[in-house]
């Protein structure tokens, strides 16, 4: 298996999607107090989801960067020393 195939396989394994879903329904009559409360709850939920998602995204990015660096080092180590002089 070539390095490119290994890299592709590693990236496919790393693709994990996390979603936070906000459920919406049709409401026909709502008082202004209820509307404000629902908007506040929706905003709080979005902020919480972002707070939870950002560290996970950073961690995955760092893992992919490390994997890529390791593969580049492995590629450099496998090149014959005389080829770079041509």
N, C-alpha and C. Protein backbone atom coordinates (compact mmCIF):
# COMPACT_ATOMS: atom_id res chain seq x y z
N UNK A 1 0.86 -1.18 0.00
CA UNK A 1 0.00 0.00 0.00
C UNK A 1 0.90 1.23 0.00
N UNK A 2 0.67 2.17 -0.92
CA UNK A 2 1.52 3.35 -1.02
C UNK A 2 1.19 4.35 0.10
N UNK A 3 2.10 5.30 0.29
CA UNK A 3 1.89 6.32 1.31
C UNK A 3 0.64 7.15 1.02
N UNK A 4 0.40 7.39 -0.25
CA UNK A 4 -0.78 8.18 -0.63
C UNK A 4 -2.06 7.43 -0.24
N UNK A 5 -2.06 6.13 -0.45
CA UNK A 5 -3.23 5.32 -0.06
C UNK A 5 -3.41 5.31 1.45
N UNK A 6 -2.30 5.22 2.17
CA UNK A 6 -2.37 5.25 3.63
C UNK A 6 -2.91 6.58 4.12
N UNK A 7 -2.44 7.67 3.49
CA UNK A 7 -2.91 9.01 3.88
C UNK A 7 -4.40 9.15 3.60
N UNK A 8 -4.83 8.69 2.45
CA UNK A 8 -6.25 8.77 2.09
C UNK A 8 -7.09 7.97 3.08
N UNK A 9 -6.62 6.77 3.43
CA UNK A 9 -7.35 5.92 4.36
C UNK A 9 -7.42 6.58 5.74
N UNK A 10 -6.32 7.19 6.19
CA UNK A 10 -6.30 7.86 7.49
C UNK A 10 -7.26 9.04 7.51
N UNK A 11 -7.32 9.80 6.42
CA UNK A 11 -8.23 10.95 6.36
C UNK A 11 -9.68 10.50 6.35
N UNK A 12 -9.96 9.39 5.68
CA UNK A 12 -11.33 8.88 5.67
C UNK A 12 -11.76 8.45 7.07
N UNK A 13 -10.85 7.85 7.82
CA UNK A 13 -11.17 7.46 9.19
C UNK A 13 -11.38 8.68 10.07
N UNK A 14 -10.69 9.77 9.77
CA UNK A 14 -10.75 10.96 10.61
C UNK A 14 -12.02 11.78 10.38
N UNK A 15 -12.74 11.51 9.30
CA UNK A 15 -13.93 12.29 9.00
C UNK A 15 -15.07 11.86 9.91
N UNK A 16 -15.30 12.66 10.94
CA UNK A 16 -16.38 12.42 11.88
C UNK A 16 -17.14 13.73 11.97
N UNK A 17 -18.41 13.66 11.81
CA UNK A 17 -19.23 14.87 11.84
C UNK A 17 -20.05 14.89 13.12
N UNK A 18 -19.94 16.00 13.84
CA UNK A 18 -20.76 16.18 15.02
C UNK A 18 -21.74 17.30 14.71
N UNK A 19 -22.97 17.04 14.98
CA UNK A 19 -23.97 18.08 14.72
C UNK A 19 -24.82 18.28 15.97
N UNK A 20 -25.22 19.49 16.15
CA UNK A 20 -26.19 19.80 17.19
C UNK A 20 -27.42 20.29 16.46
N UNK A 21 -28.49 19.66 16.67
CA UNK A 21 -29.68 19.97 15.90
C UNK A 21 -30.68 20.73 16.76
N UNK A 22 -31.15 21.83 16.25
CA UNK A 22 -32.18 22.60 16.93
C UNK A 22 -33.50 22.25 16.25
N UNK A 23 -34.43 21.80 17.03
CA UNK A 23 -35.72 21.37 16.50
C UNK A 23 -36.65 22.57 16.45
N UNK A 24 -37.27 22.74 15.30
CA UNK A 24 -38.22 23.84 15.15
C UNK A 24 -39.58 23.27 14.76
N UNK A 25 -40.60 23.95 15.19
CA UNK A 25 -41.96 23.57 14.83
C UNK A 25 -42.73 24.83 14.50
N UNK A 26 -43.80 24.66 13.78
CA UNK A 26 -44.64 25.80 13.44
C UNK A 26 -45.51 26.15 14.63
N UNK A 27 -45.49 27.42 14.99
CA UNK A 27 -46.33 27.90 16.08
C UNK A 27 -47.12 29.08 15.53
N UNK A 28 -48.41 29.06 15.75
CA UNK A 28 -49.25 30.07 15.13
C UNK A 28 -49.52 31.27 16.03
N UNK A 29 -49.65 31.06 17.35
CA UNK A 29 -49.89 32.18 18.24
C UNK A 29 -48.95 32.06 19.44
N UNK A 30 -48.15 33.10 19.62
CA UNK A 30 -47.20 33.13 20.73
C UNK A 30 -47.20 34.53 21.30
N UNK A 31 -47.20 34.62 22.62
CA UNK A 31 -47.12 35.94 23.25
C UNK A 31 -45.70 36.47 23.08
N UNK A 32 -45.52 37.74 23.24
CA UNK A 32 -44.19 38.33 23.07
C UNK A 32 -43.22 37.82 24.13
N UNK A 33 -43.73 37.55 25.37
CA UNK A 33 -42.87 36.99 26.41
C UNK A 33 -42.39 35.59 26.03
N UNK A 34 -43.31 34.78 25.51
CA UNK A 34 -42.93 33.43 25.09
C UNK A 34 -41.92 33.47 23.93
N UNK A 35 -42.16 34.38 23.00
CA UNK A 35 -41.26 34.51 21.86
C UNK A 35 -39.86 34.90 22.34
N UNK A 36 -39.77 35.86 23.23
CA UNK A 36 -38.47 36.28 23.76
C UNK A 36 -37.77 35.14 24.49
N UNK A 37 -38.51 34.38 25.27
CA UNK A 37 -37.94 33.25 26.01
C UNK A 37 -37.42 32.17 25.04
N UNK A 38 -38.20 31.86 24.01
CA UNK A 38 -37.78 30.87 23.03
C UNK A 38 -36.53 31.32 22.28
N UNK A 39 -36.47 32.58 21.93
CA UNK A 39 -35.28 33.12 21.24
C UNK A 39 -34.06 33.05 22.15
N UNK A 40 -34.25 33.36 23.43
CA UNK A 40 -33.14 33.31 24.39
C UNK A 40 -32.64 31.87 24.54
N UNK A 41 -33.57 30.92 24.67
CA UNK A 41 -33.18 29.52 24.79
C UNK A 41 -32.45 29.03 23.54
N UNK A 42 -32.92 29.43 22.39
CA UNK A 42 -32.29 29.04 21.13
C UNK A 42 -30.87 29.60 21.04
N UNK A 43 -30.69 30.84 21.43
CA UNK A 43 -29.37 31.47 21.42
C UNK A 43 -28.44 30.77 22.39
N UNK A 44 -28.93 30.46 23.59
CA UNK A 44 -28.11 29.76 24.58
C UNK A 44 -27.68 28.39 24.07
N UNK A 45 -28.59 27.68 23.43
CA UNK A 45 -28.26 26.35 22.91
C UNK A 45 -27.20 26.44 21.81
N UNK A 46 -27.34 27.42 20.91
CA UNK A 46 -26.34 27.60 19.86
C UNK A 46 -24.97 27.90 20.45
N UNK A 47 -24.91 28.77 21.44
CA UNK A 47 -23.64 29.11 22.07
C UNK A 47 -23.01 27.89 22.73
N UNK A 48 -23.83 27.08 23.40
CA UNK A 48 -23.33 25.88 24.05
C UNK A 48 -22.78 24.89 23.02
N UNK A 49 -23.50 24.70 21.92
CA UNK A 49 -23.04 23.80 20.87
C UNK A 49 -21.71 24.26 20.28
N UNK A 50 -21.57 25.57 20.08
CA UNK A 50 -20.31 26.10 19.55
C UNK A 50 -19.17 25.88 20.53
N UNK A 51 -19.44 26.12 21.81
CA UNK A 51 -18.41 25.93 22.84
C UNK A 51 -17.94 24.47 22.87
N UNK A 52 -18.86 23.55 22.66
CA UNK A 52 -18.50 22.13 22.68
C UNK A 52 -17.80 21.71 21.39
N UNK A 53 -18.18 22.29 20.26
CA UNK A 53 -17.65 21.87 18.97
C UNK A 53 -16.24 22.39 18.70
N UNK A 54 -15.94 23.61 19.10
CA UNK A 54 -14.66 24.22 18.76
C UNK A 54 -13.47 23.42 19.30
N UNK A 55 -13.45 22.99 20.57
CA UNK A 55 -12.31 22.19 21.03
C UNK A 55 -12.17 20.87 20.27
N UNK A 56 -13.28 20.24 19.92
CA UNK A 56 -13.24 18.99 19.16
C UNK A 56 -12.66 19.21 17.76
N UNK A 57 -13.03 20.30 17.14
CA UNK A 57 -12.52 20.62 15.81
C UNK A 57 -11.02 20.89 15.89
N UNK A 58 -10.59 21.65 16.89
CA UNK A 58 -9.16 21.93 17.05
C UNK A 58 -8.36 20.65 17.27
N UNK A 59 -8.88 19.76 18.12
CA UNK A 59 -8.19 18.51 18.40
C UNK A 59 -8.03 17.67 17.14
N UNK A 60 -9.07 17.55 16.35
CA UNK A 60 -9.00 16.78 15.11
C UNK A 60 -8.02 17.40 14.13
N UNK A 61 -8.03 18.74 14.05
CA UNK A 61 -7.11 19.44 13.15
C UNK A 61 -5.66 19.16 13.56
N UNK A 62 -5.37 19.24 14.84
CA UNK A 62 -4.02 18.98 15.33
C UNK A 62 -3.61 17.54 15.03
N UNK A 63 -4.53 16.60 15.17
CA UNK A 63 -4.23 15.20 14.86
C UNK A 63 -3.89 15.03 13.38
N UNK A 64 -4.66 15.69 12.52
CA UNK A 64 -4.39 15.59 11.08
C UNK A 64 -3.06 16.23 10.72
N UNK A 65 -2.73 17.36 11.36
CA UNK A 65 -1.45 18.02 11.10
C UNK A 65 -0.30 17.11 11.52
N UNK A 66 -0.40 16.50 12.69
CA UNK A 66 0.65 15.59 13.16
C UNK A 66 0.80 14.40 12.22
N UNK A 67 -0.32 13.84 11.79
CA UNK A 67 -0.29 12.71 10.87
C UNK A 67 0.40 13.11 9.57
N UNK A 68 0.06 14.26 9.06
CA UNK A 68 0.66 14.75 7.81
C UNK A 68 2.16 14.96 7.97
N UNK A 69 2.58 15.53 9.09
CA UNK A 69 4.01 15.75 9.34
C UNK A 69 4.75 14.43 9.43
N UNK A 70 4.16 13.44 10.09
CA UNK A 70 4.79 12.13 10.19
C UNK A 70 4.94 11.49 8.82
N UNK A 71 3.93 11.64 7.99
CA UNK A 71 4.00 11.06 6.66
C UNK A 71 5.04 11.76 5.80
N UNK A 72 5.17 13.09 5.94
CA UNK A 72 6.19 13.82 5.19
C UNK A 72 7.59 13.39 5.63
N UNK A 73 7.79 13.21 6.94
CA UNK A 73 9.09 12.75 7.43
C UNK A 73 9.39 11.35 6.91
N UNK A 74 8.38 10.49 6.89
CA UNK A 74 8.57 9.13 6.39
C UNK A 74 8.91 9.15 4.90
N UNK A 75 8.27 10.04 4.14
CA UNK A 75 8.55 10.17 2.71
C UNK A 75 9.98 10.65 2.49
N UNK A 76 10.44 11.61 3.28
CA UNK A 76 11.81 12.14 3.14
C UNK A 76 12.83 11.07 3.49
N UNK A 77 12.54 10.25 4.47
CA UNK A 77 13.46 9.20 4.88
C UNK A 77 13.57 8.08 3.87
N UNK A 78 12.56 7.89 3.03
CA UNK A 78 12.57 6.79 2.08
C UNK A 78 13.18 7.16 0.73
N UNK A 79 13.52 8.44 0.51
CA UNK A 79 14.11 8.87 -0.76
C UNK A 79 15.59 8.48 -0.79
N UNK A 80 16.08 7.99 -1.93
CA UNK A 80 17.51 7.71 -2.05
C UNK A 80 18.30 9.02 -1.99
N UNK A 81 19.46 9.05 -1.32
CA UNK A 81 20.21 10.30 -1.16
C UNK A 81 20.74 10.87 -2.47
N UNK A 82 20.97 10.07 -3.52
CA UNK A 82 21.53 10.58 -4.77
C UNK A 82 20.53 11.27 -5.66
N UNK A 83 19.24 11.06 -5.48
CA UNK A 83 18.23 11.64 -6.38
C UNK A 83 18.12 13.15 -6.25
N UNK A 84 18.40 13.72 -5.10
CA UNK A 84 18.22 15.16 -4.91
C UNK A 84 19.30 15.96 -5.62
N UNK A 85 20.43 15.36 -5.97
CA UNK A 85 21.53 16.07 -6.61
C UNK A 85 21.31 16.25 -8.10
N UNK A 86 20.38 15.56 -8.68
CA UNK A 86 20.18 15.65 -10.15
C UNK A 86 19.61 16.94 -10.58
